[in-house]
Amino acid sequence: MEVAIEKMKKFNWQEIINRGTGLGDFNDSQWKFLKGFIVEMIAEKYCNNELVAVREDHKDFDWPSLKLTVELKSQLSGPMYNQNGTVKKNFDIVFNNSQGTNKLDELPDDHVTDLLLVIRNDGAFVIDRETTKKYAIKKGDGFKVRVPRSAITELSGKIDANPKENNLRQLIENVIRENV
């Protein structure tokens, strides 16, 4: 885990957060599903060729050189840090939603990757599989992970985002219009 953390700290977090916070056009309910996909692509591009996107159920990336699996949760609408620069007390991570089919009381091992990477609008952190399982709470038809700051590993430090505005939504709409 220590090697993974050192490598993750070297990801280009400034660019990941700049580009991620520039995806405001995707906050509409009909577009939100695509925002997570785009953030995965951004993370893959700026991860120093460490992560390979696989986009499987309960797993977004493989990390071939370290033989690890990674799930990404983008929470770009919320901060990781308080205004005084300290890390927030707790973080709630919606882990999965079973669309009403969840009959489980405990998060299964095959639903949890080796690392859970969380990107917020001013920083990023990671937790390992054991921490994810320890703090998982059954919530409605899925699970939520409520993790205290003492259980996270900061990766980026506090970042002042400089959102990279883009016209991705318009480009996507144009491609769809041209192909239907």
Protein backbone atom coordinates (compact mmCIF):
# COMPACT_ATOMS: atom_id res chain seq x y z
CA MET A 1 0.00 0.00 0.00
CA GLU A 2 2.84 2.41 0.77
CA VAL A 3 4.21 2.13 -2.78
CA ALA A 4 0.75 2.79 -4.22
CA ILE A 5 0.29 5.86 -2.03
CA GLU A 6 3.67 7.30 -3.03
CA LYS A 7 2.86 6.77 -6.70
CA MET A 8 -0.64 8.25 -6.30
CA LYS A 9 0.78 11.35 -4.65
CA LYS A 10 2.69 11.97 -7.89
CA PHE A 11 -0.45 11.97 -10.07
CA ASN A 12 -1.17 15.37 -11.61
CA TRP A 13 -3.88 16.28 -9.09
CA GLN A 14 -3.94 19.93 -10.08
CA GLU A 15 -4.88 19.04 -13.65
CA ILE A 16 -7.31 16.28 -12.60
CA ILE A 17 -9.16 18.69 -10.31
CA ASN A 18 -8.98 21.60 -12.77
CA ARG A 19 -10.55 19.48 -15.50
CA GLY A 20 -13.00 17.76 -13.18
CA THR A 21 -14.31 21.00 -11.71
CA GLY A 22 -14.81 22.28 -15.26
CA LEU A 23 -17.54 19.70 -15.90
CA GLY A 24 -20.39 21.81 -14.52
CA ASP A 25 -22.44 21.23 -17.70
CA PHE A 26 -22.77 17.61 -16.62
CA ASN A 27 -24.49 18.32 -13.30
CA ASP A 28 -27.96 18.15 -14.89
CA SER A 29 -29.75 14.94 -13.94
CA GLN A 30 -29.81 13.65 -17.53
CA TRP A 31 -26.06 14.17 -17.94
CA LYS A 32 -24.73 13.27 -14.49
CA PHE A 33 -24.15 9.62 -15.43
CA LEU A 34 -21.58 10.75 -17.98
CA LYS A 35 -19.68 12.99 -15.57
CA GLY A 36 -18.24 10.04 -13.63
CA PHE A 37 -17.14 8.42 -16.87
CA ILE A 38 -15.35 11.60 -17.96
CA VAL A 39 -13.64 11.97 -14.57
CA GLU A 40 -12.39 8.38 -14.93
CA MET A 41 -10.89 9.31 -18.31
CA ILE A 42 -9.28 12.41 -16.80
CA ALA A 43 -7.80 10.40 -13.93
CA GLU A 44 -6.45 7.79 -16.34
CA LYS A 45 -4.82 10.49 -18.50
CA TYR A 46 -3.08 12.23 -15.58
CA CYS A 47 -2.06 9.21 -13.49
CA ASN A 48 1.45 8.82 -14.92
CA ASN A 49 0.37 5.70 -16.87
CA GLU A 50 -0.26 3.80 -13.64
CA LEU A 51 -4.01 3.12 -13.92
CA VAL A 52 -5.82 1.35 -16.75
CA ALA A 53 -9.56 1.95 -17.03
CA VAL A 54 -11.60 -1.25 -17.13
CA ARG A 55 -15.04 0.12 -16.11
CA GLU A 56 -16.35 -3.12 -14.64
CA ASP A 57 -19.01 -3.45 -11.97
CA HIS A 58 -17.46 -2.34 -8.67
CA LYS A 59 -14.07 -1.66 -10.32
CA ASP A 60 -12.99 1.28 -12.48
CA PHE A 61 -9.26 0.62 -12.86
CA ASP A 62 -6.63 -2.05 -12.78
CA TRP A 63 -3.15 -1.09 -11.63
CA PRO A 64 -1.08 -3.67 -13.52
CA SER A 65 2.37 -2.84 -12.14
CA LEU A 66 1.14 -3.24 -8.55
CA LYS A 67 -1.54 -5.88 -9.23
CA LEU A 68 -4.19 -3.73 -7.52
CA THR A 69 -7.77 -2.77 -8.32
CA VAL A 70 -9.17 0.73 -7.89
CA GLU A 71 -12.67 2.21 -7.64
CA LEU A 72 -13.00 5.94 -8.26
CA LYS A 73 -15.63 8.11 -6.61
CA SER A 74 -15.81 11.61 -7.98
CA GLN A 75 -17.30 14.06 -5.50
CA LEU A 76 -16.35 17.25 -7.30
CA SER A 77 -19.30 19.20 -5.93
CA GLY A 78 -17.89 19.10 -2.41
CA PRO A 79 -14.64 20.06 -0.68
CA MET A 80 -12.20 17.83 1.16
CA TYR A 81 -10.91 20.70 3.28
CA ASN A 82 -12.50 23.22 5.63
CA GLN A 83 -11.97 26.94 4.98
CA ASN A 84 -9.12 26.98 7.50
CA GLY A 85 -7.29 24.30 5.49
CA THR A 86 -7.96 21.33 7.77
CA VAL A 87 -9.43 18.10 6.44
CA LYS A 88 -13.17 17.72 6.99
CA LYS A 89 -14.22 15.54 9.91
CA ASN A 90 -16.06 12.83 7.91
CA PHE A 91 -16.77 11.84 4.33
CA ASP A 92 -19.85 10.06 3.05
CA ILE A 93 -19.27 8.00 -0.07
CA VAL A 94 -22.25 6.42 -1.80
CA PHE A 95 -20.80 3.07 -2.59
CA ASN A 96 -23.38 1.34 -4.67
CA ASN A 97 -27.04 1.30 -5.48
CA SER A 98 -28.68 -2.00 -6.28
CA GLN A 99 -31.84 -0.50 -7.79
CA GLY A 100 -33.93 -2.14 -5.09
CA THR A 101 -32.36 -5.60 -5.26
CA ASN A 102 -30.04 -5.36 -2.25
CA LYS A 103 -30.76 -8.04 0.32
CA LEU A 104 -27.27 -7.94 1.84
CA ASP A 105 -26.43 -6.68 5.32
CA GLU A 106 -22.71 -6.47 4.66
CA LEU A 107 -20.69 -5.23 1.70
CA PRO A 108 -19.41 -8.32 -0.18
CA ASP A 109 -15.66 -8.67 -0.82
CA ASP A 110 -16.19 -8.82 -4.57
CA HIS A 111 -17.82 -5.36 -4.46
CA VAL A 112 -14.73 -3.74 -2.90
CA THR A 113 -11.50 -2.95 -4.73
CA ASP A 114 -8.06 -2.84 -3.16
CA LEU A 115 -8.18 0.97 -3.18
CA LEU A 116 -11.08 3.43 -3.12
CA LEU A 117 -9.96 6.74 -4.63
CA VAL A 118 -12.06 9.82 -3.87
CA ILE A 119 -11.64 13.06 -5.81
CA ARG A 120 -13.22 16.21 -4.41
CA ASN A 121 -13.15 19.79 -5.68
CA ASP A 122 -10.05 20.72 -3.69
CA GLY A 123 -8.20 17.47 -3.08
CA ALA A 124 -8.05 13.70 -3.30
CA PHE A 125 -7.71 10.86 -0.82
CA VAL A 126 -7.63 7.09 -0.79
CA ILE A 127 -8.75 4.34 1.55
CA ASP A 128 -7.92 0.65 1.37
CA ARG A 129 -10.25 -2.37 1.17
CA GLU A 130 -10.27 -3.02 4.92
CA THR A 131 -11.14 0.59 5.71
CA THR A 132 -13.90 0.61 3.09
CA LYS A 133 -15.45 -2.52 4.57
CA LYS A 134 -15.01 -1.33 8.17
CA TYR A 135 -16.95 1.89 7.57
CA ALA A 136 -19.57 0.55 5.15
CA ILE A 137 -23.15 1.08 6.29
CA LYS A 138 -26.23 -0.47 4.73
CA LYS A 139 -28.20 2.45 3.34
CA GLY A 140 -31.54 1.82 1.67
CA ASP A 141 -30.92 -0.31 -1.37
CA GLY A 142 -27.14 0.01 -1.31
CA PHE A 143 -24.21 0.93 0.87
CA LYS A 144 -22.60 4.12 2.05
CA VAL A 145 -19.09 4.42 3.43
CA ARG A 146 -18.84 7.02 6.18
CA VAL A 147 -15.15 7.41 6.82
CA PRO A 148 -13.52 9.73 9.39
CA ARG A 149 -10.56 11.88 8.44
CA SER A 150 -8.34 9.73 10.65
CA ALA A 151 -8.92 6.78 8.31
CA ILE A 152 -8.11 8.46 4.99
CA THR A 153 -4.77 8.99 3.30
CA GLU A 154 -4.42 12.42 1.73
CA LEU A 155 -2.91 12.30 -1.74
CA SER A 156 -2.95 15.80 -3.16
CA GLY A 157 -2.89 18.29 -0.33
CA LYS A 158 -5.25 21.24 -0.64
CA ILE A 159 -5.64 22.36 -4.24
CA ASP A 160 -7.06 25.64 -5.43
CA ALA A 161 -9.00 24.59 -8.51
CA ASN A 162 -8.74 26.53 -11.72
CA PRO A 163 -11.64 24.94 -13.63
CA LYS A 164 -10.85 24.10 -17.25
CA GLU A 165 -14.03 25.04 -19.03
CA ASN A 166 -14.83 22.92 -22.05
CA ASN A 167 -17.50 22.35 -24.65
CA LEU A 168 -17.73 18.58 -24.19
CA ARG A 169 -21.48 18.58 -23.69
CA GLN A 170 -22.06 20.54 -26.89
CA LEU A 171 -19.68 18.28 -28.80
CA ILE A 172 -21.50 15.18 -27.53
CA GLU A 173 -24.89 16.67 -28.45
CA ASN A 174 -23.58 17.49 -31.94
CA VAL A 175 -22.24 13.95 -32.46
CA ILE A 176 -25.57 12.47 -31.38
CA ARG A 177 -27.56 14.85 -33.59
CA GLU A 178 -25.39 13.94 -36.58
CA ASN A 179 -25.79 10.20 -35.98
CA VAL A 180 -29.48 9.73 -35.23
